[in-house]
Amino acid sequence: MILFVSPYLSAVVPVLDEEESLPAFHGELMAALAALALPCEIVYVDDGSSDASGELLEKFALAGGSPDVTVRVVVLRRNFGKSGALAAGFAHARGQWLVTLDADGQDIPAQLPKLLAAAEQGGYDLVGGWRRRRDDRLVKRTTSRWYNAATRTLTGLPLRDFNTGFKLLSAEVAHELPLYGEFHRFVPVLAHDLGFRVAEVEVTHRARTAGRSKYLSVLRFPKTLLDLSTVLFLTRFADRPLYLFGGAGAGLAAAGFGVLAWLSLQKLVLGAGIGQRPLLLLGVLALLVGAQLVGIGFLGDVLRHSAGRDRLPYRVRSVVDPAPVDARVVPDRRASTDRRAGAP
């Protein structure tokens, strides 16, 4: 009889057109997981590859892995992006811990014990690999520094490398993360917002030796900033939209009211003509837009209240129950009273 052993660690690897780098990467990853001497699995997610990556992944799975490492492949119907691929991998992973790596070979699988040691010894739920020295093109390194600085400043989370593809996270974190769009860039921020403990450790990064980068667009940094604004709204104001819209609206309405009051004073006391002054239109516009924003904030609060009745406003880390107490027999008071009442 074959007994199934649940893996301790699942390596989730999204793959998109990486046929040139996959053979070397797979060999390194297998060796790194085998060295742990723990039940492990690799979950490759083929994110709509158009080259021979799918055939290579199928060969890896059919080869059977090793006694401690199994290989599984999840094939998506089309390219859904990295967030979609990670979400699919998380849904199919069975390990207590999950590690994500990019298949381009720039992450070094042999450094996985660093992340595991930090998580297990520090009690962290998510540990990212901090690439102190990134071996990438100048443009990519520069935009990454800007992105990390902006994310660190706006979120208040003191990490130095938010978008690393080399992350270790518990199964609980993976199952609670809302991954869609480009949210894979903000996994530490989202996990921290859910109440999980987040940290990072320094890892070595190396240059790509095969294939080509999938992130060559000049619009990457502006798009990332727009995604960051979405994440900030969802993590800070999704439960209280009135704080954002109402605050901005109240400020605009107060400014508009002040402008109109000053113009009214000039008209009534000094007799000045204000009908053709652009400031009058500006004051009316600020007052109206401010009132609309406050109304939008109220509507947002109402919708959040109506749609979120089944959503828990908290996250429980653990529950400590007292030691079990021996069961005691409690007499049935009603039965004894009935017997006394019917006695002769």
Protein backbone atom coordinates (compact mmCIF):
# COMPACT_ATOMS: atom_id res chain seq x y z
CA MET A 1 0.00 0.00 0.00
CA ILE A 2 1.32 3.48 -0.94
CA LEU A 3 0.97 6.12 1.75
CA PHE A 4 0.73 9.75 0.68
CA VAL A 5 2.94 12.09 2.69
CA SER A 6 1.87 15.72 2.66
CA PRO A 7 4.81 17.87 1.51
CA TYR A 8 6.43 20.20 3.99
CA LEU A 9 7.44 22.65 1.27
CA SER A 10 5.95 23.48 -2.13
CA ALA A 11 8.02 25.41 -4.68
CA VAL A 12 5.64 27.40 -6.89
CA VAL A 13 7.26 28.46 -10.17
CA PRO A 14 5.37 30.48 -12.82
CA VAL A 15 6.74 29.82 -16.31
CA LEU A 16 6.34 31.90 -19.46
CA ASP A 17 8.53 31.08 -22.47
CA GLU A 18 11.59 29.92 -20.54
CA GLU A 19 12.64 26.86 -22.58
CA GLU A 20 16.29 27.99 -22.62
CA SER A 21 16.64 28.48 -18.87
CA LEU A 22 14.36 25.68 -17.60
CA PRO A 23 16.74 22.68 -17.78
CA ALA A 24 19.48 24.27 -15.65
CA PHE A 25 16.95 25.85 -13.28
CA HIS A 26 15.08 22.58 -12.75
CA GLY A 27 18.29 20.73 -11.94
CA GLU A 28 19.29 23.34 -9.36
CA LEU A 29 15.86 23.40 -7.77
CA MET A 30 15.69 19.60 -7.52
CA ALA A 31 19.12 19.51 -5.87
CA ALA A 32 18.22 22.27 -3.41
CA LEU A 33 14.97 20.60 -2.35
CA ALA A 34 16.58 17.16 -2.08
CA ALA A 35 19.25 18.64 0.22
CA LEU A 36 16.52 19.66 2.70
CA ALA A 37 15.75 15.96 3.34
CA LEU A 38 12.07 16.85 3.73
CA PRO A 39 8.99 15.90 1.69
CA CYS A 40 8.77 18.59 -1.01
CA GLU A 41 7.01 19.26 -4.27
CA ILE A 42 7.49 21.53 -7.26
CA VAL A 43 4.39 23.10 -8.77
CA TYR A 44 5.18 24.56 -12.19
CA VAL A 45 2.52 26.83 -13.67
CA ASP A 46 2.66 27.14 -17.45
CA ASP A 47 1.25 30.63 -17.99
CA GLY A 48 0.38 30.23 -21.67
CA SER A 49 3.91 29.64 -23.00
CA SER A 50 4.27 29.75 -26.78
CA ASP A 51 7.64 27.98 -26.95
CA ALA A 52 8.66 24.47 -25.86
CA SER A 53 8.37 25.24 -22.13
CA GLY A 54 5.19 23.18 -21.84
CA GLU A 55 6.85 20.09 -23.31
CA LEU A 56 9.82 20.45 -20.98
CA LEU A 57 7.58 20.78 -17.92
CA GLU A 58 5.67 17.66 -18.94
CA LYS A 59 8.93 15.75 -19.20
CA PHE A 60 9.95 16.93 -15.73
CA ALA A 61 6.65 15.70 -14.27
CA LEU A 62 6.73 12.34 -16.06
CA ALA A 63 10.33 11.75 -14.98
CA GLY A 64 9.02 11.26 -11.46
CA GLY A 65 11.23 13.65 -9.51
CA SER A 66 13.02 11.94 -6.60
CA PRO A 67 12.00 10.04 -3.44
CA ASP A 68 11.55 13.30 -1.49
CA VAL A 69 10.53 15.61 -4.34
CA THR A 70 7.52 15.31 -6.61
CA VAL A 71 6.91 17.46 -9.69
CA ARG A 72 3.49 18.67 -10.77
CA VAL A 73 2.50 20.94 -13.65
CA VAL A 74 -0.51 23.25 -13.86
CA VAL A 75 -1.24 24.42 -17.42
CA LEU A 76 -3.30 27.59 -17.81
CA ARG A 77 -5.56 28.05 -20.84
CA ARG A 78 -3.84 31.31 -21.81
CA ASN A 79 -1.48 33.89 -20.38
CA PHE A 80 -3.10 35.30 -17.24
CA GLY A 81 -0.07 37.21 -15.95
CA LYS A 82 2.16 36.51 -13.00
CA SER A 83 -0.51 37.18 -10.36
CA GLY A 84 -2.88 34.71 -12.01
CA ALA A 85 -0.13 32.11 -12.35
CA LEU A 86 0.86 32.45 -8.70
CA ALA A 87 -2.78 32.22 -7.61
CA ALA A 88 -3.16 28.99 -9.60
CA GLY A 89 0.03 27.61 -8.09
CA PHE A 90 -1.06 28.50 -4.56
CA ALA A 91 -4.41 26.80 -5.13
CA HIS A 92 -2.71 23.54 -6.17
CA ALA A 93 0.17 23.57 -3.67
CA ARG A 94 -0.14 21.17 -0.73
CA GLY A 95 2.82 22.18 1.44
CA GLN A 96 2.85 23.79 4.86
CA TRP A 97 5.28 26.34 3.43
CA LEU A 98 5.38 27.70 -0.11
CA VAL A 99 8.36 29.26 -1.84
CA THR A 100 8.05 31.23 -5.07
CA LEU A 101 10.88 31.48 -7.58
CA ASP A 102 11.23 32.87 -11.08
CA ALA A 103 12.16 30.33 -13.73
CA ASP A 104 14.71 32.65 -15.37
CA GLY A 105 17.51 31.31 -13.16
CA GLN A 106 18.33 34.62 -11.46
CA ASP A 107 17.12 33.32 -8.08
CA ILE A 108 19.45 30.76 -6.53
CA PRO A 109 17.48 27.79 -5.11
CA ALA A 110 20.39 26.75 -2.88
CA GLN A 111 19.71 29.82 -0.72
CA LEU A 112 16.28 28.53 0.27
CA PRO A 113 17.55 27.40 3.74
CA LYS A 114 18.19 31.07 4.56
CA LEU A 115 14.53 31.88 4.12
CA LEU A 116 13.39 28.78 5.97
CA ALA A 117 15.69 29.48 8.93
CA ALA A 118 14.47 33.08 9.18
CA ALA A 119 10.81 32.02 9.10
CA GLU A 120 11.13 29.16 11.57
CA GLN A 121 13.44 30.90 14.05
CA GLY A 122 11.87 34.35 13.86
CA GLY A 123 8.25 33.20 13.76
CA TYR A 124 7.55 35.02 10.50
CA ASP A 125 4.72 34.18 8.13
CA LEU A 126 6.43 35.60 5.05
CA VAL A 127 10.13 36.08 4.32
CA GLY A 128 11.34 37.74 1.14
CA GLY A 129 14.77 37.59 -0.43
CA TRP A 130 16.44 41.00 -0.38
CA ARG A 131 18.59 41.42 -3.48
CA ARG A 132 21.15 43.88 -2.15
CA ARG A 133 23.12 43.73 -5.40
CA ARG A 134 20.82 43.11 -8.36
CA ASP A 135 22.59 41.81 -11.44
CA ASP A 136 20.25 43.47 -13.94
CA ARG A 137 20.26 46.26 -16.47
CA LEU A 138 20.70 49.82 -15.18
CA VAL A 139 17.16 50.84 -16.17
CA LYS A 140 15.66 47.89 -14.31
CA ARG A 141 17.74 48.54 -11.19
CA THR A 142 16.85 52.25 -11.22
CA THR A 143 13.10 51.77 -11.61
CA SER A 144 13.22 49.08 -8.92
CA ARG A 145 14.87 51.49 -6.46
CA TRP A 146 12.22 54.12 -7.21
CA TYR A 147 9.45 51.60 -6.77
CA ASN A 148 10.84 50.24 -3.48
CA ALA A 149 11.36 53.75 -2.10
CA ALA A 150 7.84 54.83 -3.06
CA THR A 151 6.25 51.67 -1.63
CA ARG A 152 8.27 51.90 1.59
CA THR A 153 7.34 55.58 2.07
CA LEU A 154 3.64 55.25 1.28
CA THR A 155 2.95 51.99 3.12
CA GLY A 156 5.27 52.46 6.10
CA LEU A 157 6.52 48.86 5.74
CA PRO A 158 10.32 48.96 6.23
CA LEU A 159 11.35 46.46 3.55
CA ARG A 160 14.02 47.06 0.93
CA ASP A 161 12.89 44.67 -1.81
CA PHE A 162 9.13 44.36 -2.25
CA ASN A 163 9.03 42.87 -5.74
CA THR A 164 11.46 40.01 -5.30
CA GLY A 165 10.26 36.79 -6.90
CA PHE A 166 12.04 34.76 -4.21
CA LYS A 167 9.62 34.58 -1.27
CA LEU A 168 8.76 32.04 1.40
CA LEU A 169 5.27 32.16 2.83
CA SER A 170 3.09 29.94 4.95
CA ALA A 171 0.12 28.13 3.43
CA GLU A 172 -2.20 30.35 5.48
CA VAL A 173 -0.77 33.48 3.87
CA ALA A 174 -1.00 31.99 0.38
CA HIS A 175 -4.64 31.03 0.83
CA GLU A 176 -5.70 34.46 2.10
CA LEU A 177 -3.85 36.68 -0.38
CA PRO A 178 -6.05 38.47 -2.94
CA LEU A 179 -3.95 37.93 -6.08
CA TYR A 180 -5.13 39.45 -9.35
CA GLY A 181 -4.01 42.11 -11.79
CA GLU A 182 -0.47 43.14 -10.81
CA PHE A 183 -0.86 42.47 -7.09
CA HIS A 184 2.04 40.00 -7.08
CA ARG A 185 4.27 43.08 -6.76
CA PHE A 186 2.69 43.89 -3.40
CA VAL A 187 2.52 40.50 -1.69
CA PRO A 188 4.40 41.71 1.44
CA VAL A 189 2.11 44.75 1.73
CA LEU A 190 -1.04 42.66 1.36
CA ALA A 191 0.20 40.05 3.84
CA HIS A 192 1.15 42.73 6.37
CA ASP A 193 -2.29 44.31 6.02
CA LEU A 194 -3.89 40.94 6.83
CA GLY A 195 -1.93 40.82 10.09
CA PHE A 196 0.85 38.42 9.10
CA ARG A 197 4.45 38.90 10.24
CA VAL A 198 6.71 39.90 7.37
CA ALA A 199 10.52 40.03 7.11
CA GLU A 200 13.32 39.77 4.57
CA VAL A 201 16.84 38.30 4.43
CA GLU A 202 19.68 39.11 2.09
CA VAL A 203 20.14 36.74 -0.84
CA THR A 204 22.51 36.64 -3.79
CA HIS A 205 21.17 37.61 -7.20
CA ARG A 206 22.75 36.72 -10.52
CA ALA A 207 22.42 37.73 -14.14
CA ARG A 208 20.17 35.94 -16.58
CA THR A 209 22.21 33.55 -18.71
CA ALA A 210 19.49 32.27 -21.03
CA GLY A 211 16.28 33.57 -22.55
CA ARG A 212 15.20 37.16 -22.32
CA SER A 213 13.40 39.34 -19.79
CA LYS A 214 9.62 39.67 -20.01
CA TYR A 215 9.67 43.14 -18.43
CA LEU A 216 10.93 45.48 -21.14
CA SER A 217 8.09 48.01 -21.25
CA VAL A 218 8.92 51.67 -20.52
CA LEU A 219 5.47 51.95 -18.94
CA ARG A 220 6.27 49.45 -16.20
CA PHE A 221 7.09 52.03 -13.50
CA PRO A 222 4.06 54.32 -14.14
CA LYS A 223 1.78 51.26 -14.20
CA THR A 224 3.30 50.04 -10.95
CA LEU A 225 2.59 53.39 -9.29
CA LEU A 226 -1.04 53.16 -10.37
CA ASP A 227 -1.23 49.64 -8.94
CA LEU A 228 0.36 50.95 -5.73
CA SER A 229 -2.36 53.59 -5.42
CA THR A 230 -4.97 50.82 -5.73
CA VAL A 231 -3.26 48.74 -3.04
CA LEU A 232 -3.03 51.77 -0.73
CA PHE A 233 -6.74 52.40 -1.13
CA LEU A 234 -7.63 48.75 -0.52
CA THR A 235 -5.39 48.41 2.54
CA ARG A 236 -6.16 51.77 4.16
CA PHE A 237 -9.58 52.93 3.00
CA ALA A 238 -11.52 49.93 1.68
CA ASP A 239 -13.27 49.56 5.05
CA ARG A 240 -13.76 53.30 5.54
CA PRO A 241 -14.07 55.10 2.16
CA LEU A 242 -15.66 58.10 3.83
CA TYR A 243 -12.30 58.90 5.44
CA LEU A 244 -10.74 59.38 2.00
CA PHE A 245 -13.54 60.89 -0.07
CA GLY A 246 -15.17 62.70 2.82
CA GLY A 247 -11.89 64.25 3.95
CA ALA A 248 -10.98 65.48 0.48
CA GLY A 249 -14.56 66.63 -0.13
CA ALA A 250 -14.79 68.49 3.16
CA GLY A 251 -11.55 70.31 2.40
CA LEU A 252 -12.72 71.35 -1.06
CA ALA A 253 -16.15 72.38 0.20
CA ALA A 254 -14.60 74.46 2.98
CA ALA A 255 -12.29 76.19 0.50
CA GLY A 256 -15.18 76.88 -1.88
CA PHE A 257 -17.33 78.21 0.94
CA GLY A 258 -14.52 80.52 2.06
CA VAL A 259 -14.04 81.89 -1.44
CA LEU A 260 -17.78 82.52 -1.89
CA ALA A 261 -18.05 84.14 1.55
CA TRP A 262 -15.20 86.53 0.74
CA LEU A 263 -16.71 87.44 -2.64
CA SER A 264 -20.11 87.96 -1.01
CA LEU A 265 -18.51 90.30 1.52
CA GLN A 266 -16.94 92.33 -1.29
CA LYS A 267 -20.26 92.53 -3.10
CA LEU A 268 -22.44 93.45 -0.13
CA VAL A 269 -20.07 95.73 1.78
CA LEU A 270 -17.84 97.25 -0.88
CA GLY A 271 -20.24 97.05 -3.81
CA ALA A 272 -17.64 95.39 -6.02
CA GLY A 273 -18.74 93.54 -9.13
CA ILE A 274 -18.07 89.79 -8.90
CA GLY A 275 -20.23 88.36 -11.69
CA GLN A 276 -17.37 88.17 -14.21
CA ARG A 277 -14.63 87.09 -11.84
CA PRO A 278 -13.15 83.59 -12.45
CA LEU A 279 -12.79 83.19 -8.69
CA LEU A 280 -16.58 83.00 -8.41
CA LEU A 281 -16.70 80.00 -10.75
CA LEU A 282 -13.81 78.41 -8.90
CA GLY A 283 -15.57 78.80 -5.55
CA VAL A 284 -18.84 77.34 -6.85
CA LEU A 285 -16.99 74.46 -8.49
CA ALA A 286 -15.01 73.65 -5.33
CA LEU A 287 -18.17 73.70 -3.21
CA LEU A 288 -20.09 71.44 -5.58
CA VAL A 289 -17.24 68.96 -6.12
CA GLY A 290 -16.58 68.86 -2.38
CA ALA A 291 -20.23 68.06 -1.65
CA GLN A 292 -20.17 65.33 -4.32
CA LEU A 293 -17.05 63.74 -2.83
CA VAL A 294 -18.63 63.67 0.62
CA GLY A 295 -21.70 62.04 -0.89
CA ILE A 296 -19.53 59.45 -2.65
CA GLY A 297 -17.85 58.68 0.67
CA PHE A 298 -21.23 58.13 2.34
CA LEU A 299 -22.36 55.86 -0.50
CA GLY A 300 -19.11 53.91 -0.23
CA ASP A 301 -19.66 53.39 3.49
CA VAL A 302 -23.22 52.21 2.88
CA LEU A 303 -22.11 49.76 0.18
CA ARG A 304 -19.26 48.49 2.38
CA HIS A 305 -21.69 47.95 5.24
CA SER A 306 -24.21 46.12 3.03
CA ALA A 307 -21.73 43.96 1.14
CA GLY A 308 -19.44 43.21 4.06
CA ARG A 309 -21.84 41.74 6.58
CA ASP A 310 -20.46 38.26 6.00
CA ARG A 311 -16.84 39.45 5.90
CA LEU A 312 -14.90 39.14 9.11
CA PRO A 313 -13.40 42.49 10.23
CA TYR A 314 -10.50 40.66 11.90
CA ARG A 315 -7.98 37.85 11.38
CA VAL A 316 -7.32 35.30 14.15
CA ARG A 317 -3.76 34.04 14.52
CA SER A 318 -4.50 31.33 17.08
CA VAL A 319 -6.83 30.40 19.94
CA VAL A 320 -5.53 29.14 23.29
CA ASP A 321 -8.08 27.06 25.17
CA PRO A 322 -7.72 26.10 28.85
CA ALA A 323 -6.72 22.59 29.76
CA PRO A 324 -9.67 20.17 29.66
CA VAL A 325 -11.47 19.73 32.96
CA ASP A 326 -12.89 16.39 34.09
CA ALA A 327 -16.57 16.23 33.34
CA ARG A 328 -18.76 16.52 36.41
CA VAL A 329 -22.28 15.15 36.73
CA VAL A 330 -24.72 17.98 37.28
CA PRO A 331 -27.96 16.81 38.91
CA ASP A 332 -31.20 17.49 37.11
CA ARG A 333 -32.85 19.96 39.49
CA ARG A 334 -36.18 19.74 37.73
CA ALA A 335 -36.34 15.96 38.10
CA SER A 336 -35.62 16.10 41.85
CA THR A 337 -38.24 18.83 42.32
CA ASP A 338 -40.83 16.73 40.48
CA ARG A 339 -40.12 13.74 42.69
CA ARG A 340 -40.52 15.80 45.87
CA ALA A 341 -43.78 17.26 44.63
CA GLY A 342 -45.27 13.83 43.92
CA ALA A 343 -44.16 12.20 47.14
CA PRO A 344 -46.93 11.01 49.56
